[in-house]
C-alpha atoms as a PDB file:
ATOM      1  CA  MET A   1     -65.149 134.001   9.025  1.00  0.00           C
ATOM      2  CA  GLY A   2     -66.324 135.145  12.456  1.00  0.00           C
ATOM      3  CA  MET A   3     -68.117 138.177  13.797  1.00  0.00           C
ATOM      4  CA  TYR A   4     -66.655 141.639  14.203  1.00  0.00           C
ATOM      5  CA  THR A   5     -67.074 143.836  17.245  1.00  0.00           C
ATOM      6  CA  GLY A   6     -66.751 147.592  16.893  1.00  0.00           C
ATOM      7  CA  LEU A   7     -65.259 149.959  19.418  1.00  0.00           C
ATOM      8  CA  ARG A   8     -65.565 153.706  19.234  1.00  0.00           C
ATOM      9  CA  CYS A   9     -64.009 155.962  21.763  1.00  0.00           C
ATOM     10  CA  LYS A  10     -63.740 159.561  22.902  1.00  0.00           C
ATOM     11  CA  VAL A  11     -62.007 159.861  26.251  1.00  0.00           C
ATOM     12  CA  ILE A  12     -59.829 162.281  28.172  1.00  0.00           C
ATOM     13  CA  ILE A  13     -56.485 160.842  29.293  1.00  0.00           C
ATOM     14  CA  LYS A  14     -55.243 161.701  32.791  1.00  0.00           C
ATOM     15  CA  LYS A  15     -52.417 164.252  32.819  1.00  0.00           C
ATOM     16  CA  GLU A  16     -49.932 161.767  34.262  1.00  0.00           C
ATOM     17  CA  TYR A  17     -50.424 159.431  31.265  1.00  0.00           C
ATOM     18  CA  ARG A  18     -50.505 161.985  28.431  1.00  0.00           C
ATOM     19  CA  GLU A  19     -46.778 161.802  27.722  1.00  0.00           C
ATOM     20  CA  GLU A  20     -46.981 158.005  27.562  1.00  0.00           C
ATOM     21  CA  LEU A  21     -49.940 158.194  25.170  1.00  0.00           C
ATOM     22  CA  LYS A  22     -47.986 160.662  23.047  1.00  0.00           C
ATOM     23  CA  ARG A  23     -45.134 158.130  22.790  1.00  0.00           C
ATOM     24  CA  LEU A  24     -47.572 155.355  21.886  1.00  0.00           C
ATOM     25  CA  HIS A  25     -49.253 157.623  19.332  1.00  0.00           C
ATOM     26  CA  GLU A  26     -45.866 158.305  17.725  1.00  0.00           C
ATOM     27  CA  ASN A  27     -45.272 154.520  17.563  1.00  0.00           C
ATOM     28  CA  ARG A  28     -48.715 153.852  15.980  1.00  0.00           C
ATOM     29  CA  PHE A  29     -49.839 152.315  19.270  1.00  0.00           C
ATOM     30  CA  ASP A  30     -47.348 149.487  19.395  1.00  0.00           C
ATOM     31  CA  TRP A  31     -48.425 148.586  22.921  1.00  0.00           C
ATOM     32  CA  SER A  32     -45.226 146.559  23.463  1.00  0.00           C
ATOM     33  CA  LYS A  33     -43.206 149.800  23.411  1.00  0.00           C
ATOM     34  CA  SER A  34     -44.943 151.220  26.468  1.00  0.00           C
ATOM     35  CA  GLU A  35     -42.894 152.048  29.540  1.00  0.00           C
ATOM     36  CA  VAL A  36     -45.943 151.367  31.741  1.00  0.00           C
ATOM     37  CA  ASP A  37     -46.160 147.688  32.703  1.00  0.00           C
ATOM     38  CA  PHE A  38     -49.949 147.262  32.607  1.00  0.00           C
ATOM     39  CA  ILE A  39     -50.095 148.954  29.197  1.00  0.00           C
ATOM     40  CA  LYS A  40     -47.202 146.887  27.841  1.00  0.00           C
ATOM     41  CA  GLU A  41     -48.922 143.688  29.047  1.00  0.00           C
ATOM     42  CA  PHE A  42     -51.900 144.557  26.848  1.00  0.00           C
ATOM     43  CA  SER A  43     -49.663 143.942  23.799  1.00  0.00           C
ATOM     44  CA  GLU A  44     -49.737 140.224  24.661  1.00  0.00           C
ATOM     45  CA  VAL A  45     -53.505 140.017  24.107  1.00  0.00           C
ATOM     46  CA  GLU A  46     -54.423 138.556  20.736  1.00  0.00           C
ATOM     47  CA  ARG A  47     -55.605 141.256  18.309  1.00  0.00           C
ATOM     48  CA  SER A  48     -54.563 144.114  20.612  1.00  0.00           C
ATOM     49  CA  ASP A  49     -52.798 145.606  17.593  1.00  0.00           C
ATOM     50  CA  PHE A  50     -56.207 146.288  16.002  1.00  0.00           C
ATOM     51  CA  ILE A  51     -56.896 148.929  18.671  1.00  0.00           C
ATOM     52  CA  PRO A  52     -57.122 151.780  17.728  1.00  0.00           C
ATOM     53  CA  PHE A  53     -56.284 151.258  14.040  1.00  0.00           C
ATOM     54  CA  GLY A  54     -58.406 148.279  12.991  1.00  0.00           C
ATOM     55  CA  SER A  55     -60.777 149.031  10.121  1.00  0.00           C
ATOM     56  CA  SER A  56     -64.451 149.558  10.866  1.00  0.00           C
ATOM     57  CA  SER A  57     -65.520 146.363   9.103  1.00  0.00           C
ATOM     58  CA  TYR A  58     -69.203 145.453   9.262  1.00  0.00           C
ATOM     59  CA  MET A  59     -70.184 148.461  11.351  1.00  0.00           C
ATOM     60  CA  PRO A  60     -73.200 150.588  10.410  1.00  0.00           C
ATOM     61  CA  LYS A  61     -72.866 153.484   8.008  1.00  0.00           C
ATOM     62  CA  GLY A  62     -71.539 156.514   9.852  1.00  0.00           C
ATOM     63  CA  TRP A  63     -69.859 154.466  12.616  1.00  0.00           C
ATOM     64  CA  GLU A  64     -66.648 156.485  12.259  1.00  0.00           C
ATOM     65  CA  ASP A  65     -68.301 159.907  11.902  1.00  0.00           C
ATOM     66  CA  GLY A  66     -66.921 162.137  14.641  1.00  0.00           C
ATOM     67  CA  PHE A  67     -64.552 159.389  15.771  1.00  0.00           C
ATOM     68  CA  GLU A  68     -61.800 159.861  13.201  1.00  0.00           C
ATOM     69  CA  TYR A  69     -58.524 158.901  14.873  1.00  0.00           C
ATOM     70  CA  GLY A  70     -56.813 161.633  16.832  1.00  0.00           C
ATOM     71  CA  TYR A  71     -54.825 162.274  19.991  1.00  0.00           C
ATOM     72  CA  ASP A  72     -54.331 165.740  21.467  1.00  0.00           C
ATOM     73  CA  GLU A  73     -51.604 165.690  24.098  1.00  0.00           C
ATOM     74  CA  GLU A  74     -52.580 169.104  25.467  1.00  0.00           C
ATOM     75  CA  THR A  75     -56.232 168.284  26.188  1.00  0.00           C
ATOM     76  CA  GLY A  76     -55.759 164.518  26.534  1.00  0.00           C
ATOM     77  CA  LEU A  77     -58.538 163.793  24.019  1.00  0.00           C
ATOM     78  CA  LEU A  78     -58.150 160.378  22.409  1.00  0.00           C
ATOM     79  CA  LYS A  79     -60.689 159.385  19.789  1.00  0.00           C
ATOM     80  CA  PHE A  80     -60.996 156.533  17.332  1.00  0.00           C
ATOM     81  CA  ALA A  81     -63.319 153.936  15.828  1.00  0.00           C
ATOM     82  CA  CYS A  82     -62.247 150.424  14.895  1.00  0.00           C
ATOM     83  CA  SER A  83     -63.465 146.841  14.776  1.00  0.00           C
ATOM     84  CA  LEU A  84     -61.918 143.433  15.305  1.00  0.00           C
ATOM     85  CA  LYS A  85     -62.765 139.817  15.916  1.00  0.00           C
ATOM     86  CA  ASN A  86     -62.958 139.925  19.695  1.00  0.00           C
ATOM     87  CA  TYR A  87     -62.450 136.223  20.429  1.00  0.00           C
ATOM     88  CA  SER A  88     -59.758 136.814  23.049  1.00  0.00           C
ATOM     89  CA  ASP A  89     -61.693 139.657  24.726  1.00  0.00           C
ATOM     90  CA  ALA A  90     -59.184 142.236  23.494  1.00  0.00           C
ATOM     91  CA  ILE A  91     -61.788 144.995  23.880  1.00  0.00           C
ATOM     92  CA  GLU A  92     -62.512 144.058  27.485  1.00  0.00           C
ATOM     93  CA  GLU A  93     -58.765 143.892  28.223  1.00  0.00           C
ATOM     94  CA  PHE A  94     -58.269 147.266  26.538  1.00  0.00           C
ATOM     95  CA  ASN A  95     -61.051 148.727  28.673  1.00  0.00           C
ATOM     96  CA  LYS A  96     -59.218 147.566  31.822  1.00  0.00           C
ATOM     97  CA  VAL A  97     -56.165 149.525  30.684  1.00  0.00           C
ATOM     98  CA  LEU A  98     -58.283 152.473  29.587  1.00  0.00           C
ATOM     99  CA  GLY A  99     -60.039 152.647  32.959  1.00  0.00           C
ATOM    100  CA  LYS A 100     -56.665 153.250  34.627  1.00  0.00           C
ATOM    101  CA  VAL A 101     -55.462 156.001  32.302  1.00  0.00           C
ATOM    102  CA  ILE A 102     -58.564 158.128  31.686  1.00  0.00           C
ATOM    103  CA  GLU A 103     -60.223 160.810  33.738  1.00  0.00           C
ATOM    104  CA  GLU A 104     -63.388 161.116  31.656  1.00  0.00           C
ATOM    105  CA  VAL A 105     -65.477 159.177  29.168  1.00  0.00           C
ATOM    106  CA  ILE A 106     -67.139 161.332  26.544  1.00  0.00           C
ATOM    107  CA  HIS A 107     -68.309 158.336  24.515  1.00  0.00           C
ATOM    108  CA  LEU A 108     -67.186 154.729  24.665  1.00  0.00           C
ATOM    109  CA  GLU A 109     -69.214 152.135  22.816  1.00  0.00           C
ATOM    110  CA  LYS A 110     -68.860 148.475  21.879  1.00  0.00           C
ATOM    111  CA  ARG A 111     -71.133 146.960  19.245  1.00  0.00           C
ATOM    112  CA  ASN A 112     -71.353 143.493  17.739  1.00  0.00           C
ATOM    113  CA  GLU A 113     -71.926 143.537  13.971  1.00  0.00           C
ATOM    114  CA  GLU A 114     -75.081 141.425  14.191  1.00  0.00           C
ATOM    115  CA  LEU A 115     -76.844 143.517  16.846  1.00  0.00           C
ATOM    116  CA  GLU A 116     -78.949 146.629  16.340  1.00  0.00           C
ATOM    117  CA  SER A 117     -77.567 148.338  19.422  1.00  0.00           C
ATOM    118  CA  GLY A 118     -74.424 148.276  21.465  1.00  0.00           C
ATOM    119  CA  LYS A 119     -73.123 148.935  24.936  1.00  0.00           C
ATOM    120  CA  LEU A 120     -72.029 152.280  26.286  1.00  0.00           C
ATOM    121  CA  TYR A 121     -69.437 152.452  29.016  1.00  0.00           C
ATOM    122  CA  VAL A 122     -69.206 154.871  31.906  1.00  0.00           C
ATOM    123  CA  LEU A 123     -66.298 155.382  34.268  1.00  0.00           C
ATOM    124  CA  VAL A 124     -67.043 154.414  37.881  1.00  0.00           C
ATOM    125  CA  GLN A 125     -64.152 154.718  40.347  1.00  0.00           C
ATOM    126  CA  GLY A 126     -61.535 153.766  37.767  1.00  0.00           C
ATOM    127  CA  ASP A 127     -63.544 150.943  36.183  1.00  0.00           C
ATOM    128  CA  LEU A 128     -65.450 151.030  32.921  1.00  0.00           C
ATOM    129  CA  VAL A 129     -68.972 149.712  33.445  1.00  0.00           C
ATOM    130  CA  GLU A 130     -71.381 148.740  30.644  1.00  0.00           C
ATOM    131  CA  GLU A 131     -74.755 150.377  30.116  1.00  0.00           C
ATOM    132  CA  ASN A 132     -77.346 149.054  27.655  1.00  0.00           C
ATOM    133  CA  ILE A 133     -78.415 151.471  24.948  1.00  0.00           C
ATOM    134  CA  ASN A 134     -81.360 151.449  22.592  1.00  0.00           C
ATOM    135  CA  LYS A 135     -80.897 151.681  18.844  1.00  0.00           C
ATOM    136  CA  GLU A 136     -82.980 154.870  18.977  1.00  0.00           C
ATOM    137  CA  MET A 137     -80.610 156.492  21.490  1.00  0.00           C
ATOM    138  CA  ALA A 138     -78.370 159.074  19.845  1.00  0.00           C
ATOM    139  CA  PRO A 139     -74.678 158.770  20.716  1.00  0.00           C
ATOM    140  CA  ARG A 140     -73.221 161.267  23.152  1.00  0.00           C
ATOM    141  CA  ILE A 141     -70.653 162.709  20.808  1.00  0.00           C
END
């Protein structure tokens, strides 16, 4: 069957990418329809189509609370929670794309179904960098 990895996200998209994210939002995030090469390339990664609309399988109760899917073109707020079998590192590849198009991370977390805690990401000079979190740490939502 395989293990699921969850991803939950609240980020602010840079102004220059908001129109592109609006187009992707209107196309249910069919990454192959992007006009931006590095975003379009993400569509070639196995299971990329699970982001952001994969179910939240095997994640703890409340995983989606406050992360219900939404995109606000005016503010640039993108939020969602999903999970997928991350065998091809789709989450890590997504984070490479995300690091290029966001100006702020409010909350970005990856969590393996079998672990009691996950990893938070912070934005450092255009790259998303992992931080360990404790299961007792409340999410920054």
